[in-house]
Amino acid sequence: MRGSNITTHLDPPLYARLYIPNQRQNQNQNQKLPLLVYFHGGGFCIETAFSPTYHNYLNTLVSEANVIAVSVDYRRAPENPVPCAHDDSWTALKWVASHVNGEGPEDWLNYFADFQRVFFSGDSAGANIAHHMGMRHGREILDGVNVIGIVLIHPYFLGREAVGNETADAKKRDWVARLWRLTCPSSTSGCDDPWINPAVAGSDLASLGCARMQVFVAENDFLRSRGWFYYDKLKESGCRGNVEIVESKGEQYVFHLINPTCENAVAMLERTASFLNHQEKA
């Protein structure tokens, strides 16, 4: 693991944390690894790519999946409101893409990353970002970057009209809506803003720029039904990729970060690792 400076034109500059399996550092540089770009969660306002929670998770996932990972440290609200996090994440993706020809500033990406096997992932707000990065990549293809799949873990999506289990807890729904207003005060659409509701009218989900999508939800998570709603809308959109959803029974929001050694967290990790090693080309 090591840190890397993505850009210096912002104050403070953007950074990323890079991960690579231990055994790869001394192996043949011609044997490339799948590349995972990860966006941390935290409601757009807490956590960083350098938080112990995400450091531990990425270490474990990289070892299990045998991939190289770039964990993006985007700016956070309320000082830097949405869509700053998304803008920073796209800047990070362009920085990653600058290594396609083996001439970028970060040797690990030059030597070990297979840009024909790229994946985006994130949890909660990071899953929201991963979705939007997939949509933007579908519109503005990153040259030389083949995004095979996206993994969304307990995605942070909302909507003005309640769906499923959202109707059961009005206080929680109001709290989440207020958090969204804090992180995106310029929004005039509230919880139907396209940054937080990917299913709002006019969203072209069919243009998602990847061949496969994996969505994880937790049975006892407030965001569970919204994750299912997103999955259903993706299927209805005619999205060209294969879409699957996995529900962890009896679990809460981001349980895999809170209790990473529990049976369901281990199963999620193994399923994610399998997804990241899929060979299909986008």
Protein backbone atom coordinates (compact mmCIF):
# COMPACT_ATOMS: atom_id res chain seq x y z
CA MET A 1 0.00 0.00 0.00
CA ARG A 2 1.13 3.56 -0.66
CA GLY A 3 -0.32 7.00 -1.26
CA SER A 4 -0.14 8.96 -4.50
CA ASN A 5 -0.76 12.59 -5.35
CA ILE A 6 -3.39 12.78 -8.12
CA THR A 7 -3.35 16.51 -8.82
CA THR A 8 -1.87 19.70 -7.44
CA HIS A 9 -4.25 22.24 -9.01
CA LEU A 10 -6.68 21.94 -6.08
CA ASP A 11 -6.08 23.14 -2.53
CA PRO A 12 -5.68 20.76 -0.84
CA PRO A 13 -4.58 18.47 -3.70
CA LEU A 14 -6.35 15.18 -4.40
CA TYR A 15 -4.80 11.95 -3.23
CA ALA A 16 -5.39 8.25 -3.66
CA ARG A 17 -4.27 5.20 -1.72
CA LEU A 18 -2.95 2.35 -3.86
CA TYR A 19 -2.98 -1.34 -2.99
CA ILE A 20 -1.27 -4.30 -4.60
CA PRO A 21 -0.95 -7.96 -3.49
CA ASN A 22 2.36 -8.47 -1.69
CA GLN A 23 3.58 -11.17 -4.02
CA ARG A 24 3.16 -9.03 -7.14
CA GLN A 25 5.81 -6.42 -6.36
CA ASN A 26 8.64 -8.73 -7.45
CA GLN A 27 6.88 -10.63 -10.25
CA ASN A 28 6.85 -10.34 -14.04
CA GLN A 29 5.59 -6.91 -15.06
CA ASN A 30 3.99 -8.44 -18.16
CA GLN A 31 1.48 -10.31 -15.99
CA LYS A 32 -1.15 -7.65 -15.44
CA LEU A 33 -3.80 -7.54 -12.70
CA PRO A 34 -7.43 -6.42 -12.86
CA LEU A 35 -7.74 -2.80 -11.70
CA LEU A 36 -10.32 -1.76 -9.10
CA VAL A 37 -11.10 1.91 -8.52
CA TYR A 38 -12.83 2.25 -5.15
CA PHE A 39 -14.84 5.16 -3.73
CA HIS A 40 -15.33 5.19 0.04
CA GLY A 41 -18.66 5.81 1.75
CA GLY A 42 -19.69 8.21 4.48
CA GLY A 43 -22.68 10.18 3.24
CA PHE A 44 -20.38 12.51 1.26
CA CYS A 45 -19.33 14.14 4.53
CA ILE A 46 -17.29 11.71 6.67
CA GLU A 47 -14.55 9.05 6.22
CA THR A 48 -11.61 9.18 3.83
CA ALA A 49 -9.63 6.76 1.69
CA PHE A 50 -7.11 6.74 4.56
CA SER A 51 -9.60 5.71 7.28
CA PRO A 52 -8.61 2.47 9.06
CA THR A 53 -11.97 0.95 8.09
CA TYR A 54 -11.26 1.32 4.38
CA HIS A 55 -7.57 0.55 4.69
CA ASN A 56 -8.43 -2.80 6.27
CA TYR A 57 -11.22 -3.58 3.80
CA LEU A 58 -9.14 -2.83 0.70
CA ASN A 59 -6.16 -4.77 2.05
CA THR A 60 -8.36 -7.82 2.50
CA LEU A 61 -10.17 -7.48 -0.82
CA VAL A 62 -6.97 -6.94 -2.83
CA SER A 63 -5.43 -10.03 -1.26
CA GLU A 64 -8.53 -12.17 -1.81
CA ALA A 65 -9.19 -11.03 -5.40
CA ASN A 66 -5.55 -10.61 -6.50
CA VAL A 67 -6.21 -7.16 -7.99
CA ILE A 68 -4.56 -3.76 -7.85
CA ALA A 69 -6.74 -1.06 -6.29
CA VAL A 70 -6.91 2.73 -6.31
CA SER A 71 -8.91 4.14 -3.40
CA VAL A 72 -9.95 7.72 -4.18
CA ASP A 73 -9.84 10.42 -1.51
CA TYR A 74 -12.38 12.95 -2.77
CA ARG A 75 -13.31 16.23 -1.08
CA ARG A 76 -16.25 16.12 1.34
CA ALA A 77 -19.30 18.19 2.24
CA PRO A 78 -20.38 20.52 3.70
CA GLU A 79 -17.22 22.52 2.89
CA ASN A 80 -17.19 20.99 -0.59
CA PRO A 81 -20.82 20.14 -1.44
CA VAL A 82 -22.03 17.59 -3.97
CA PRO A 83 -21.12 17.30 -6.83
CA CYS A 84 -17.52 18.10 -5.74
CA ALA A 85 -17.04 14.44 -4.75
CA HIS A 86 -18.14 13.31 -8.20
CA ASP A 87 -15.98 15.89 -9.96
CA ASP A 88 -12.95 14.81 -7.93
CA SER A 89 -13.67 11.17 -8.67
CA TRP A 90 -13.78 11.83 -12.40
CA THR A 91 -10.48 13.70 -12.10
CA ALA A 92 -9.10 10.63 -10.34
CA LEU A 93 -10.32 8.37 -13.15
CA LYS A 94 -8.63 10.56 -15.74
CA TRP A 95 -5.44 10.33 -13.68
CA VAL A 96 -5.79 6.53 -13.64
CA ALA A 97 -6.33 6.55 -17.41
CA SER A 98 -3.11 8.54 -17.88
CA HIS A 99 -1.25 5.28 -17.17
CA VAL A 100 -2.79 3.31 -20.06
CA ASN A 101 0.38 3.50 -22.17
CA GLY A 102 2.67 2.75 -19.23
CA GLU A 103 3.87 6.34 -19.01
CA GLY A 104 1.92 7.70 -16.04
CA PRO A 105 3.39 9.06 -12.79
CA GLU A 106 2.62 5.96 -10.70
CA ASP A 107 4.80 2.91 -11.39
CA TRP A 108 2.43 0.39 -9.83
CA LEU A 109 -0.24 1.31 -12.37
CA ASN A 110 2.25 1.42 -15.24
CA TYR A 111 3.64 -2.02 -14.43
CA PHE A 112 0.76 -4.02 -12.99
CA ALA A 113 -2.65 -2.63 -14.03
CA ASP A 114 -4.63 -4.32 -16.81
CA PHE A 115 -6.65 -1.48 -18.32
CA GLN A 116 -8.74 -3.98 -20.26
CA ARG A 117 -10.07 -5.30 -16.92
CA VAL A 118 -11.18 -2.26 -14.95
CA PHE A 119 -13.86 -2.20 -12.24
CA PHE A 120 -15.51 0.55 -10.19
CA SER A 121 -16.86 -0.05 -6.70
CA GLY A 122 -17.94 1.75 -3.55
CA ASP A 123 -20.21 1.53 -0.54
CA SER A 124 -23.03 3.91 0.42
CA ALA A 125 -22.11 7.37 -0.96
CA GLY A 126 -19.16 5.69 -2.68
CA ALA A 127 -21.58 3.38 -4.46
CA ASN A 128 -23.49 6.47 -5.58
CA ILE A 129 -20.24 7.85 -6.99
CA ALA A 130 -19.36 4.53 -8.67
CA HIS A 131 -22.76 4.57 -10.42
CA HIS A 132 -22.25 8.13 -11.67
CA MET A 133 -18.71 7.35 -12.82
CA GLY A 134 -20.12 4.44 -14.82
CA MET A 135 -22.71 6.73 -16.36
CA ARG A 136 -20.13 9.38 -17.23
CA HIS A 137 -17.77 6.77 -18.68
CA GLY A 138 -20.67 5.67 -20.88
CA ARG A 139 -20.92 9.23 -22.23
CA GLU A 140 -17.24 10.23 -22.19
CA ILE A 141 -15.24 7.07 -22.80
CA LEU A 142 -11.86 7.09 -21.09
CA ASP A 143 -9.46 6.17 -23.88
CA GLY A 144 -7.87 2.78 -23.39
CA VAL A 145 -9.98 1.95 -20.33
CA ASN A 146 -12.33 -1.03 -20.57
CA VAL A 147 -14.74 -0.97 -17.60
CA ILE A 148 -15.97 -4.53 -17.29
CA GLY A 149 -18.06 -4.17 -14.15
CA ILE A 150 -19.32 -2.06 -11.26
CA VAL A 151 -19.98 -3.28 -7.71
CA LEU A 152 -22.37 -1.19 -5.60
CA ILE A 153 -22.52 -2.00 -1.89
CA HIS A 154 -25.54 -0.65 0.01
CA PRO A 155 -25.87 2.27 -2.43
CA TYR A 156 -26.92 5.66 -1.11
CA PHE A 157 -29.86 6.54 -3.35
CA LEU A 158 -33.04 8.35 -2.38
CA GLY A 159 -36.27 9.56 -3.94
CA ARG A 160 -39.12 11.90 -3.07
CA GLU A 161 -41.65 9.08 -3.16
CA ALA A 162 -41.00 6.35 -0.60
CA VAL A 163 -40.50 2.79 -1.79
CA GLY A 164 -40.67 -0.49 0.13
CA ASN A 165 -39.36 -0.36 3.67
CA GLU A 166 -38.79 3.41 3.48
CA THR A 167 -42.45 3.90 4.41
CA ALA A 168 -41.95 2.18 7.79
CA ASP A 169 -39.64 4.78 9.37
CA ALA A 170 -40.67 8.36 8.72
CA LYS A 171 -38.10 9.76 11.16
CA LYS A 172 -35.23 7.95 9.50
CA ARG A 173 -36.46 9.02 6.09
CA ASP A 174 -36.59 12.65 7.22
CA TRP A 175 -33.10 12.41 8.75
CA VAL A 176 -31.61 10.98 5.56
CA ALA A 177 -33.34 13.68 3.49
CA ARG A 178 -31.90 16.39 5.74
CA LEU A 179 -28.44 14.88 5.43
CA TRP A 180 -28.81 15.06 1.66
CA ARG A 181 -29.80 18.75 1.85
CA LEU A 182 -26.72 19.40 4.00
CA THR A 183 -24.38 17.82 1.48
CA CYS A 184 -26.07 19.31 -1.61
CA PRO A 185 -27.61 22.65 -0.53
CA SER A 186 -27.81 23.97 -4.10
CA SER A 187 -30.27 21.25 -5.15
CA THR A 188 -33.71 22.48 -6.16
CA SER A 189 -35.13 18.96 -6.53
CA GLY A 190 -34.45 17.58 -3.06
CA CYS A 191 -34.44 13.80 -3.00
CA ASP A 192 -35.33 13.68 -6.70
CA ASP A 193 -32.09 15.39 -7.64
CA PRO A 194 -30.34 13.21 -10.26
CA TRP A 195 -27.22 13.06 -8.06
CA ILE A 196 -29.16 11.10 -5.42
CA ASN A 197 -32.01 9.56 -7.45
CA PRO A 198 -30.60 7.76 -10.51
CA ALA A 199 -34.10 6.66 -11.52
CA VAL A 200 -35.51 10.18 -11.88
CA ALA A 201 -37.20 10.99 -15.18
CA GLY A 202 -34.69 11.65 -17.92
CA SER A 203 -31.96 9.42 -16.52
CA ASP A 204 -30.59 7.20 -19.26
CA LEU A 205 -29.63 4.14 -17.24
CA ALA A 206 -29.21 2.16 -20.45
CA SER A 207 -26.04 4.14 -21.20
CA LEU A 208 -24.20 2.80 -18.16
CA GLY A 209 -20.66 2.21 -19.35
CA CYS A 210 -19.96 -1.36 -18.25
CA ALA A 211 -20.81 -4.95 -19.16
CA ARG A 212 -21.74 -6.23 -15.68
CA MET A 213 -23.29 -4.78 -12.53
CA GLN A 214 -23.42 -6.30 -9.05
CA VAL A 215 -25.56 -4.67 -6.34
CA PHE A 216 -25.41 -5.66 -2.67
CA VAL A 217 -28.21 -4.82 -0.22
CA ALA A 218 -28.73 -5.73 3.44
CA GLU A 219 -32.09 -7.00 4.71
CA ASN A 220 -32.27 -4.65 7.72
CA ASP A 221 -30.83 -1.57 6.02
CA PHE A 222 -33.04 1.48 5.46
CA LEU A 223 -31.52 1.73 1.97
CA ARG A 224 -32.44 -1.86 1.07
CA SER A 225 -35.62 -1.13 -0.92
CA ARG A 226 -33.98 1.73 -2.78
CA GLY A 227 -31.24 -0.70 -3.86
CA TRP A 228 -33.86 -3.12 -5.16
CA PHE A 229 -35.67 -0.23 -6.88
CA TYR A 230 -32.42 0.76 -8.62
CA TYR A 231 -31.87 -2.84 -9.70
CA ASP A 232 -35.40 -3.05 -11.15
CA LYS A 233 -34.97 0.24 -13.01
CA LEU A 234 -31.68 -0.94 -14.47
CA LYS A 235 -33.35 -4.09 -15.76
CA GLU A 236 -36.25 -2.10 -17.20
CA SER A 237 -33.91 0.36 -18.92
CA GLY A 238 -32.52 -2.24 -21.30
CA CYS A 239 -29.05 -1.74 -19.86
CA ARG A 240 -26.68 -3.70 -22.08
CA GLY A 241 -24.87 -5.32 -19.15
CA ASN A 242 -25.75 -8.25 -16.94
CA VAL A 243 -27.20 -7.05 -13.64
CA GLU A 244 -27.40 -9.08 -10.43
CA ILE A 245 -28.44 -8.24 -6.88
CA VAL A 246 -27.45 -10.00 -3.66
CA GLU A 247 -29.30 -9.51 -0.38
CA SER A 248 -27.58 -10.32 2.92
CA LYS A 249 -30.20 -11.72 5.27
CA GLY A 250 -30.41 -10.40 8.82
CA GLU A 251 -27.76 -7.73 8.25
CA GLN A 252 -27.57 -3.96 8.69
CA TYR A 253 -26.05 -1.16 6.65
CA VAL A 254 -22.31 -1.66 5.90
CA PHE A 255 -22.17 -4.66 8.23
CA HIS A 256 -19.22 -5.98 6.20
CA LEU A 257 -17.11 -3.04 7.37
CA ILE A 258 -18.29 -3.22 10.98
CA ASN A 259 -17.92 -6.99 11.35
CA PRO A 260 -15.70 -8.12 8.46
CA THR A 261 -15.15 -11.65 9.77
CA CYS A 262 -18.83 -12.61 10.10
CA GLU A 263 -20.17 -15.31 7.78
CA ASN A 264 -22.14 -12.94 5.53
CA ALA A 265 -19.24 -10.48 5.24
CA VAL A 266 -16.85 -13.25 4.22
CA ALA A 267 -19.40 -14.50 1.67
CA MET A 268 -19.76 -10.97 0.27
CA LEU A 269 -15.99 -10.59 0.00
CA GLU A 270 -15.66 -13.89 -1.84
CA ARG A 271 -18.48 -13.03 -4.21
CA THR A 272 -16.95 -9.63 -4.94
CA ALA A 273 -13.55 -11.22 -5.57
CA SER A 274 -15.13 -13.67 -8.01
CA PHE A 275 -16.85 -10.79 -9.82
CA LEU A 276 -13.54 -8.91 -10.13
CA ASN A 277 -11.91 -11.91 -11.76
CA HIS A 278 -14.54 -12.33 -14.46
CA GLN A 279 -12.92 -12.40 -17.89
CA GLU A 280 -15.70 -10.97 -20.07
CA LYS A 281 -14.80 -7.91 -22.12
CA ALA A 282 -17.08 -4.85 -22.16
